[in-house]
Amino acid sequence: MFHRYFAKAAIGSLALLGLWPIAQADDRTAPVPLLPKYQQECAACHTAYPPGLLPAASWQRLMGGLGKHFGVDASLDEASTREISAWLSQHAGTYKRVTDAPPQDRITRSSWFLSKHNEREVPPAVWKRASVGSPANCAACHTQADKGSFNERDIKIPK
């Protein structure tokens, strides 16, 4: 009884302090606090995707090809590339759904992404809305995407 009370109190305290995602670091589905350099560089153009959404090999290929990053030159200085690459590799997905690299290392082409965003869940017309634009625009529907949270309770599909 006492242990259960203590555990609930500890979890409640961590949640109030905003440290719950950090406390869940061993759970690879929990949001990892974003590296400021990663957020600064990558979120300038697109969602700063949580590193756990791709395996380390995908992140290594993406970071190694920044000169041709999906048709855009996203090159960084060597120190930034090293720092971001190391962080991405450290926090890359290791759980079952991301062990295989998706086609072209695109998160939106991974099997888990396609199963979560199937036609029953997200009708094809949704992707064509100007307010959504493409499957890569996570923040259009996932209101907490900028914090690395994609919880279903926070989804609001725009009109």
N, C-alpha and C. Protein backbone atom coordinates (compact mmCIF):
# COMPACT_ATOMS: atom_id res chain seq x y z
N MET A 1 0.82 -1.19 0.00
CA MET A 1 0.00 0.00 0.00
C MET A 1 0.87 1.26 0.00
N PHE A 2 1.83 1.31 0.92
CA PHE A 2 2.71 2.47 1.00
C PHE A 2 3.49 2.66 -0.29
N HIS A 3 4.00 1.56 -0.85
CA HIS A 3 4.80 1.65 -2.08
C HIS A 3 3.97 2.19 -3.23
N ARG A 4 2.72 1.76 -3.34
CA ARG A 4 1.85 2.25 -4.41
C ARG A 4 1.59 3.74 -4.24
N TYR A 5 1.35 4.19 -3.02
CA TYR A 5 1.14 5.61 -2.75
C TYR A 5 2.38 6.41 -3.10
N PHE A 6 3.56 5.90 -2.70
CA PHE A 6 4.81 6.59 -2.97
C PHE A 6 5.05 6.70 -4.48
N ALA A 7 4.79 5.62 -5.21
CA ALA A 7 5.00 5.63 -6.67
C ALA A 7 4.08 6.65 -7.33
N LYS A 8 2.82 6.69 -6.92
CA LYS A 8 1.88 7.67 -7.49
C LYS A 8 2.31 9.09 -7.17
N ALA A 9 2.77 9.31 -5.94
CA ALA A 9 3.21 10.65 -5.55
C ALA A 9 4.45 11.06 -6.35
N ALA A 10 5.37 10.13 -6.57
CA ALA A 10 6.58 10.44 -7.34
C ALA A 10 6.24 10.77 -8.78
N ILE A 11 5.37 9.98 -9.38
CA ILE A 11 4.96 10.24 -10.76
C ILE A 11 4.25 11.57 -10.87
N GLY A 12 3.37 11.85 -9.92
CA GLY A 12 2.66 13.13 -9.92
C GLY A 12 3.62 14.31 -9.79
N SER A 13 4.62 14.17 -8.93
CA SER A 13 5.62 15.23 -8.76
C SER A 13 6.42 15.45 -10.03
N LEU A 14 6.84 14.37 -10.67
CA LEU A 14 7.60 14.49 -11.92
C LEU A 14 6.76 15.14 -13.01
N ALA A 15 5.48 14.77 -13.08
CA ALA A 15 4.60 15.35 -14.09
C ALA A 15 4.44 16.85 -13.86
N LEU A 16 4.25 17.25 -12.60
CA LEU A 16 4.09 18.67 -12.29
C LEU A 16 5.35 19.47 -12.63
N LEU A 17 6.50 18.85 -12.46
CA LEU A 17 7.75 19.53 -12.74
C LEU A 17 8.11 19.50 -14.23
N GLY A 18 7.30 18.79 -15.01
CA GLY A 18 7.58 18.69 -16.44
C GLY A 18 8.70 17.72 -16.75
N LEU A 19 9.03 16.85 -15.82
CA LEU A 19 10.13 15.92 -16.00
C LEU A 19 9.68 14.51 -16.35
N TRP A 20 8.39 14.28 -16.49
CA TRP A 20 7.91 12.93 -16.77
C TRP A 20 8.51 12.34 -18.04
N PRO A 21 8.60 13.08 -19.18
CA PRO A 21 9.22 12.48 -20.36
C PRO A 21 10.67 12.07 -20.12
N ILE A 22 11.40 12.84 -19.32
CA ILE A 22 12.79 12.50 -19.04
C ILE A 22 12.84 11.26 -18.16
N ALA A 23 11.91 11.16 -17.20
CA ALA A 23 11.88 10.00 -16.31
C ALA A 23 11.55 8.72 -17.07
N GLN A 24 10.87 8.83 -18.20
CA GLN A 24 10.52 7.67 -19.00
C GLN A 24 11.56 7.38 -20.07
N ALA A 25 12.77 7.81 -19.89
CA ALA A 25 13.79 7.69 -20.93
C ALA A 25 14.00 6.25 -21.39
N ASP A 26 13.72 5.27 -20.52
CA ASP A 26 13.91 3.89 -20.95
C ASP A 26 12.77 3.41 -21.83
N ASP A 27 11.69 4.13 -21.91
CA ASP A 27 10.57 3.80 -22.80
C ASP A 27 10.79 4.56 -24.10
N ARG A 28 11.17 3.86 -25.18
CA ARG A 28 11.55 4.51 -26.43
C ARG A 28 10.38 5.21 -27.11
N THR A 29 9.14 5.00 -26.63
CA THR A 29 8.02 5.71 -27.22
C THR A 29 7.78 7.05 -26.53
N ALA A 30 8.42 7.27 -25.40
CA ALA A 30 8.25 8.53 -24.68
C ALA A 30 9.03 9.62 -25.40
N PRO A 31 8.53 10.84 -25.38
CA PRO A 31 9.27 11.93 -26.02
C PRO A 31 10.64 12.13 -25.38
N VAL A 32 11.63 12.32 -26.21
CA VAL A 32 12.97 12.64 -25.75
C VAL A 32 13.11 14.15 -25.88
N PRO A 33 13.58 14.84 -24.84
CA PRO A 33 13.76 16.29 -24.99
C PRO A 33 14.67 16.56 -26.19
N LEU A 34 14.23 17.47 -27.04
CA LEU A 34 14.97 17.75 -28.27
C LEU A 34 16.27 18.50 -27.98
N LEU A 35 17.30 18.09 -28.68
CA LEU A 35 18.57 18.78 -28.63
C LEU A 35 18.35 20.18 -29.21
N PRO A 36 18.70 21.24 -28.49
CA PRO A 36 18.45 22.59 -29.01
C PRO A 36 19.03 22.83 -30.41
N LYS A 37 20.21 22.34 -30.68
CA LYS A 37 20.83 22.52 -32.01
C LYS A 37 19.99 21.81 -33.08
N TYR A 38 19.49 20.63 -32.77
CA TYR A 38 18.65 19.88 -33.70
C TYR A 38 17.37 20.66 -33.98
N GLN A 39 16.73 21.13 -32.92
CA GLN A 39 15.50 21.89 -33.09
C GLN A 39 15.76 23.17 -33.90
N GLN A 40 16.84 23.86 -33.60
CA GLN A 40 17.17 25.10 -34.30
C GLN A 40 17.39 24.84 -35.79
N GLU A 41 18.15 23.84 -36.12
CA GLU A 41 18.51 23.59 -37.51
C GLU A 41 17.40 22.89 -38.31
N CYS A 42 16.82 21.87 -37.74
CA CYS A 42 15.87 21.04 -38.49
C CYS A 42 14.44 21.60 -38.48
N ALA A 43 14.03 22.14 -37.34
CA ALA A 43 12.67 22.68 -37.26
C ALA A 43 12.52 23.99 -38.01
N ALA A 44 13.60 24.54 -38.51
CA ALA A 44 13.50 25.75 -39.32
C ALA A 44 12.77 25.46 -40.63
N CYS A 45 12.80 24.19 -41.07
CA CYS A 45 12.17 23.82 -42.36
C CYS A 45 11.02 22.83 -42.21
N HIS A 46 11.05 22.00 -41.20
CA HIS A 46 10.01 20.98 -41.03
C HIS A 46 9.91 20.59 -39.57
N THR A 47 8.98 19.72 -39.26
CA THR A 47 8.84 19.22 -37.90
C THR A 47 10.17 18.63 -37.45
N ALA A 48 10.58 18.94 -36.26
CA ALA A 48 11.77 18.31 -35.69
C ALA A 48 11.33 16.93 -35.19
N TYR A 49 11.41 15.97 -36.10
CA TYR A 49 10.91 14.63 -35.80
C TYR A 49 11.65 14.01 -34.63
N PRO A 50 10.92 13.35 -33.73
CA PRO A 50 11.59 12.66 -32.63
C PRO A 50 12.55 11.62 -33.18
N PRO A 51 13.74 11.51 -32.61
CA PRO A 51 14.73 10.58 -33.15
C PRO A 51 14.29 9.12 -33.10
N GLY A 52 13.39 8.78 -32.20
CA GLY A 52 12.93 7.40 -32.09
C GLY A 52 12.05 6.93 -33.23
N LEU A 53 11.72 7.83 -34.16
CA LEU A 53 10.87 7.43 -35.29
C LEU A 53 11.64 6.74 -36.41
N LEU A 54 12.97 6.77 -36.36
CA LEU A 54 13.79 6.11 -37.36
C LEU A 54 14.92 5.34 -36.68
N PRO A 55 15.39 4.28 -37.31
CA PRO A 55 16.56 3.58 -36.76
C PRO A 55 17.83 4.41 -36.99
N ALA A 56 18.87 4.09 -36.25
CA ALA A 56 20.13 4.83 -36.34
C ALA A 56 20.69 4.85 -37.76
N ALA A 57 20.59 3.75 -38.48
CA ALA A 57 21.13 3.70 -39.85
C ALA A 57 20.46 4.74 -40.74
N SER A 58 19.17 4.94 -40.58
CA SER A 58 18.46 5.96 -41.37
C SER A 58 18.95 7.36 -41.03
N TRP A 59 19.10 7.64 -39.73
CA TRP A 59 19.59 8.96 -39.32
C TRP A 59 21.00 9.20 -39.85
N GLN A 60 21.83 8.16 -39.84
CA GLN A 60 23.20 8.31 -40.34
C GLN A 60 23.18 8.66 -41.83
N ARG A 61 22.35 7.97 -42.61
CA ARG A 61 22.26 8.27 -44.03
C ARG A 61 21.73 9.68 -44.26
N LEU A 62 20.69 10.07 -43.52
CA LEU A 62 20.12 11.41 -43.68
C LEU A 62 21.15 12.49 -43.35
N MET A 63 21.85 12.31 -42.24
CA MET A 63 22.84 13.31 -41.84
C MET A 63 24.05 13.32 -42.78
N GLY A 64 24.35 12.18 -43.39
CA GLY A 64 25.45 12.11 -44.33
C GLY A 64 25.12 12.67 -45.70
N GLY A 65 23.83 12.92 -45.94
CA GLY A 65 23.41 13.43 -47.24
C GLY A 65 22.71 14.76 -47.17
N LEU A 66 23.09 15.60 -46.22
CA LEU A 66 22.40 16.89 -46.04
C LEU A 66 22.53 17.82 -47.24
N GLY A 67 23.54 17.61 -48.07
CA GLY A 67 23.69 18.44 -49.27
C GLY A 67 22.57 18.22 -50.27
N LYS A 68 21.93 17.05 -50.17
CA LYS A 68 20.80 16.72 -51.06
C LYS A 68 19.67 16.14 -50.19
N HIS A 69 19.25 16.88 -49.21
CA HIS A 69 18.24 16.45 -48.24
C HIS A 69 16.85 16.60 -48.84
N PHE A 70 16.37 15.54 -49.46
CA PHE A 70 15.06 15.54 -50.11
C PHE A 70 14.91 16.72 -51.07
N GLY A 71 15.96 16.93 -51.86
CA GLY A 71 15.93 17.96 -52.89
C GLY A 71 16.38 19.35 -52.45
N VAL A 72 16.82 19.47 -51.20
CA VAL A 72 17.22 20.77 -50.66
C VAL A 72 18.64 20.65 -50.08
N ASP A 73 19.42 21.69 -50.22
CA ASP A 73 20.74 21.70 -49.59
C ASP A 73 20.56 22.14 -48.14
N ALA A 74 20.67 21.20 -47.23
CA ALA A 74 20.50 21.46 -45.80
C ALA A 74 21.84 21.30 -45.07
N SER A 75 22.92 21.53 -45.77
CA SER A 75 24.26 21.36 -45.20
C SER A 75 24.45 22.17 -43.93
N LEU A 76 25.22 21.60 -43.03
CA LEU A 76 25.56 22.25 -41.76
C LEU A 76 27.07 22.24 -41.61
N ASP A 77 27.57 23.07 -40.70
CA ASP A 77 28.99 23.01 -40.41
C ASP A 77 29.31 21.66 -39.77
N GLU A 78 30.57 21.28 -39.84
CA GLU A 78 31.00 19.95 -39.39
C GLU A 78 30.68 19.69 -37.92
N ALA A 79 30.89 20.68 -37.06
CA ALA A 79 30.63 20.50 -35.62
C ALA A 79 29.15 20.25 -35.36
N SER A 80 28.28 21.01 -36.02
CA SER A 80 26.84 20.83 -35.84
C SER A 80 26.40 19.47 -36.35
N THR A 81 26.93 19.07 -37.50
CA THR A 81 26.59 17.77 -38.07
C THR A 81 27.00 16.65 -37.12
N ARG A 82 28.19 16.74 -36.55
CA ARG A 82 28.66 15.72 -35.61
C ARG A 82 27.78 15.68 -34.36
N GLU A 83 27.48 16.84 -33.80
CA GLU A 83 26.67 16.91 -32.58
C GLU A 83 25.27 16.34 -32.80
N ILE A 84 24.62 16.77 -33.87
CA ILE A 84 23.27 16.30 -34.16
C ILE A 84 23.27 14.82 -34.50
N SER A 85 24.23 14.38 -35.29
CA SER A 85 24.33 12.96 -35.67
C SER A 85 24.48 12.07 -34.44
N ALA A 86 25.33 12.46 -33.52
CA ALA A 86 25.56 11.68 -32.31
C ALA A 86 24.28 11.59 -31.48
N TRP A 87 23.58 12.71 -31.34
CA TRP A 87 22.34 12.74 -30.57
C TRP A 87 21.26 11.87 -31.23
N LEU A 88 21.13 11.98 -32.55
CA LEU A 88 20.13 11.17 -33.27
C LEU A 88 20.44 9.69 -33.12
N SER A 89 21.69 9.31 -33.25
CA SER A 89 22.08 7.90 -33.11
C SER A 89 21.81 7.40 -31.70
N GLN A 90 22.11 8.23 -30.71
CA GLN A 90 21.90 7.84 -29.31
C GLN A 90 20.42 7.59 -29.01
N HIS A 91 19.54 8.37 -29.63
CA HIS A 91 18.11 8.29 -29.32
C HIS A 91 17.28 7.67 -30.43
N ALA A 92 17.94 7.08 -31.41
CA ALA A 92 17.23 6.46 -32.53
C ALA A 92 16.32 5.34 -32.05
N GLY A 93 15.32 5.03 -32.85
CA GLY A 93 14.39 3.97 -32.51
C GLY A 93 15.07 2.62 -32.49
N THR A 94 14.79 1.86 -31.46
CA THR A 94 15.36 0.52 -31.35
C THR A 94 14.26 -0.52 -31.15
N TYR A 95 13.05 -0.07 -30.98
CA TYR A 95 11.96 -1.00 -30.73
C TYR A 95 11.46 -1.56 -32.06
N LYS A 96 10.65 -2.57 -31.97
CA LYS A 96 10.25 -3.38 -33.13
C LYS A 96 9.77 -2.58 -34.34
N ARG A 97 8.97 -1.56 -34.13
CA ARG A 97 8.36 -0.88 -35.28
C ARG A 97 9.33 -0.06 -36.12
N VAL A 98 10.52 0.22 -35.61
CA VAL A 98 11.46 1.02 -36.39
C VAL A 98 12.80 0.33 -36.64
N THR A 99 12.88 -0.95 -36.44
CA THR A 99 14.16 -1.62 -36.65
C THR A 99 14.53 -1.66 -38.13
N ASP A 100 13.55 -1.68 -39.02
CA ASP A 100 13.83 -1.67 -40.45
C ASP A 100 13.71 -0.25 -40.98
N ALA A 101 14.67 0.15 -41.79
CA ALA A 101 14.63 1.48 -42.39
C ALA A 101 13.51 1.54 -43.42
N PRO A 102 12.71 2.60 -43.39
CA PRO A 102 11.65 2.74 -44.39
C PRO A 102 12.23 3.12 -45.76
N PRO A 103 11.48 2.95 -46.82
CA PRO A 103 11.96 3.35 -48.14
C PRO A 103 12.43 4.81 -48.12
N GLN A 104 13.60 5.04 -48.69
CA GLN A 104 14.22 6.37 -48.78
C GLN A 104 14.39 7.04 -47.41
N ASP A 105 14.37 6.25 -46.35
CA ASP A 105 14.50 6.76 -44.98
C ASP A 105 13.43 7.80 -44.65
N ARG A 106 12.28 7.68 -45.27
CA ARG A 106 11.17 8.61 -45.03
C ARG A 106 10.25 8.04 -43.96
N ILE A 107 10.07 8.80 -42.90
CA ILE A 107 9.19 8.39 -41.81
C ILE A 107 7.79 8.11 -42.35
N THR A 108 7.33 8.93 -43.29
CA THR A 108 5.98 8.78 -43.82
C THR A 108 5.80 7.56 -44.72
N ARG A 109 6.88 6.84 -44.99
CA ARG A 109 6.78 5.61 -45.78
C ARG A 109 7.06 4.36 -44.96
N SER A 110 7.21 4.56 -43.66
CA SER A 110 7.45 3.42 -42.78
C SER A 110 6.16 2.63 -42.60
N SER A 111 6.29 1.35 -42.36
CA SER A 111 5.10 0.50 -42.22
C SER A 111 4.23 0.94 -41.04
N TRP A 112 4.85 1.34 -39.93
CA TRP A 112 4.05 1.74 -38.78
C TRP A 112 3.30 3.04 -39.07
N PHE A 113 3.93 3.99 -39.80
CA PHE A 113 3.27 5.24 -40.14
C PHE A 113 2.07 4.96 -41.05
N LEU A 114 2.28 4.13 -42.06
CA LEU A 114 1.20 3.81 -43.00
C LEU A 114 0.05 3.09 -42.31
N SER A 115 0.35 2.25 -41.33
CA SER A 115 -0.74 1.55 -40.63
C SER A 115 -1.52 2.51 -39.74
N LYS A 116 -0.85 3.49 -39.15
CA LYS A 116 -1.53 4.46 -38.29
C LYS A 116 -2.30 5.50 -39.09
N HIS A 117 -1.88 5.75 -40.32
CA HIS A 117 -2.50 6.78 -41.16
C HIS A 117 -3.18 6.15 -42.38
N ASN A 118 -3.80 5.00 -42.16
CA ASN A 118 -4.47 4.30 -43.27
C ASN A 118 -5.71 5.08 -43.72
N GLU A 119 -6.28 4.68 -44.85
CA GLU A 119 -7.42 5.41 -45.43
C GLU A 119 -8.62 5.47 -44.50
N ARG A 120 -8.78 4.49 -43.63
CA ARG A 120 -9.90 4.50 -42.68
C ARG A 120 -9.67 5.58 -41.62
N GLU A 121 -8.43 5.73 -41.18
CA GLU A 121 -8.10 6.71 -40.15
C GLU A 121 -7.95 8.12 -40.72
N VAL A 122 -7.29 8.22 -41.88
CA VAL A 122 -7.05 9.51 -42.51
C VAL A 122 -7.44 9.39 -43.99
N PRO A 123 -8.64 9.82 -44.33
CA PRO A 123 -9.07 9.74 -45.73
C PRO A 123 -8.11 10.51 -46.65
N PRO A 124 -7.86 10.01 -47.86
CA PRO A 124 -6.92 10.65 -48.79
C PRO A 124 -7.17 12.15 -48.99
N ALA A 125 -8.42 12.58 -48.92
CA ALA A 125 -8.74 14.00 -49.11
C ALA A 125 -8.10 14.89 -48.05
N VAL A 126 -7.85 14.34 -46.86
CA VAL A 126 -7.25 15.13 -45.78
C VAL A 126 -5.86 15.61 -46.19
N TRP A 127 -5.07 14.75 -46.83
CA TRP A 127 -3.71 15.11 -47.23
C TRP A 127 -3.70 16.24 -48.26
N LYS A 128 -4.80 16.39 -49.00
CA LYS A 128 -4.87 17.41 -50.06
C LYS A 128 -5.30 18.78 -49.54
N ARG A 129 -5.74 18.85 -48.31
CA ARG A 129 -6.16 20.13 -47.75
C ARG A 129 -4.96 21.06 -47.62
N ALA A 130 -5.17 22.32 -47.95
CA ALA A 130 -4.09 23.31 -47.85
C ALA A 130 -3.58 23.40 -46.41
N SER A 131 -4.44 23.18 -45.44
CA SER A 131 -4.04 23.27 -44.03
C SER A 131 -3.20 22.09 -43.58
N VAL A 132 -3.16 21.03 -44.39
CA VAL A 132 -2.36 19.85 -44.06
C VAL A 132 -1.15 19.76 -45.00
N GLY A 133 -1.40 19.75 -46.28
CA GLY A 133 -0.31 19.79 -47.27
C GLY A 133 0.31 18.46 -47.62
N SER A 134 0.75 17.71 -46.63
CA SER A 134 1.37 16.41 -46.90
C SER A 134 1.47 15.61 -45.61
N PRO A 135 1.71 14.31 -45.73
CA PRO A 135 1.88 13.48 -44.53
C PRO A 135 3.07 13.91 -43.67
N ALA A 136 4.02 14.61 -44.24
CA ALA A 136 5.20 15.04 -43.48
C ALA A 136 4.91 16.23 -42.56
N ASN A 137 3.77 16.86 -42.72
CA ASN A 137 3.42 18.02 -41.90
C ASN A 137 2.68 17.55 -40.64
N CYS A 138 3.40 16.89 -39.77
CA CYS A 138 2.81 16.31 -38.56
C CYS A 138 2.03 17.32 -37.73
N ALA A 139 2.58 18.52 -37.61
CA ALA A 139 1.99 19.54 -36.75
C ALA A 139 0.62 20.00 -37.22
N ALA A 140 0.25 19.69 -38.46
CA ALA A 140 -1.07 20.08 -38.93
C ALA A 140 -2.17 19.41 -38.12
N CYS A 141 -1.95 18.18 -37.70
CA CYS A 141 -2.97 17.42 -36.96
C CYS A 141 -2.54 17.09 -35.52
N HIS A 142 -1.26 16.86 -35.34
CA HIS A 142 -0.73 16.50 -34.02
C HIS A 142 -0.34 17.79 -33.30
N THR A 143 -1.21 18.24 -32.41
CA THR A 143 -1.05 19.55 -31.78
C THR A 143 0.17 19.64 -30.86
N GLN A 144 0.73 18.50 -30.47
CA GLN A 144 1.90 18.50 -29.59
C GLN A 144 3.15 17.99 -30.32
N ALA A 145 3.13 17.95 -31.64
CA ALA A 145 4.26 17.43 -32.42
C ALA A 145 5.55 18.18 -32.12
N ASP A 146 5.44 19.48 -31.88
CA ASP A 146 6.65 20.27 -31.59
C ASP A 146 7.31 19.85 -30.28
N LYS A 147 6.58 19.12 -29.44
CA LYS A 147 7.12 18.62 -28.18
C LYS A 147 7.48 17.15 -28.28
N GLY A 148 7.33 16.58 -29.48
CA GLY A 148 7.66 15.17 -29.68
C GLY A 148 6.57 14.22 -29.24
N SER A 149 5.37 14.73 -29.00
CA SER A 149 4.26 13.89 -28.56
C SER A 149 3.24 13.74 -29.68
N PHE A 150 2.89 12.49 -29.96
CA PHE A 150 1.93 12.19 -31.01
C PHE A 150 0.75 11.40 -30.46
N ASN A 151 0.41 11.67 -29.22
CA ASN A 151 -0.70 10.98 -28.56
C ASN A 151 -2.00 11.23 -29.31
N GLU A 152 -2.79 10.18 -29.45
CA GLU A 152 -4.04 10.29 -30.20
C GLU A 152 -5.02 11.30 -29.58
N ARG A 153 -4.94 11.52 -28.29
CA ARG A 153 -5.87 12.47 -27.66
C ARG A 153 -5.59 13.91 -28.07
N ASP A 154 -4.40 14.16 -28.64
CA ASP A 154 -4.02 15.50 -29.04
C ASP A 154 -4.19 15.75 -30.54
N ILE A 155 -4.86 14.86 -31.23
CA ILE A 155 -5.05 15.02 -32.68
C ILE A 155 -6.27 15.89 -32.95
N LYS A 156 -6.07 16.86 -33.83
CA LYS A 156 -7.16 17.70 -34.31
C LYS A 156 -6.94 17.88 -35.82
N ILE A 157 -7.74 17.16 -36.60
CA ILE A 157 -7.59 17.23 -38.05
C ILE A 157 -8.24 18.52 -38.54
N PRO A 158 -7.47 19.40 -39.17
CA PRO A 158 -8.01 20.68 -39.60
C PRO A 158 -8.98 20.54 -40.76
N LYS A 159 -9.83 21.51 -40.90
CA LYS A 159 -10.82 21.53 -41.99
C LYS A 159 -10.18 21.99 -43.27
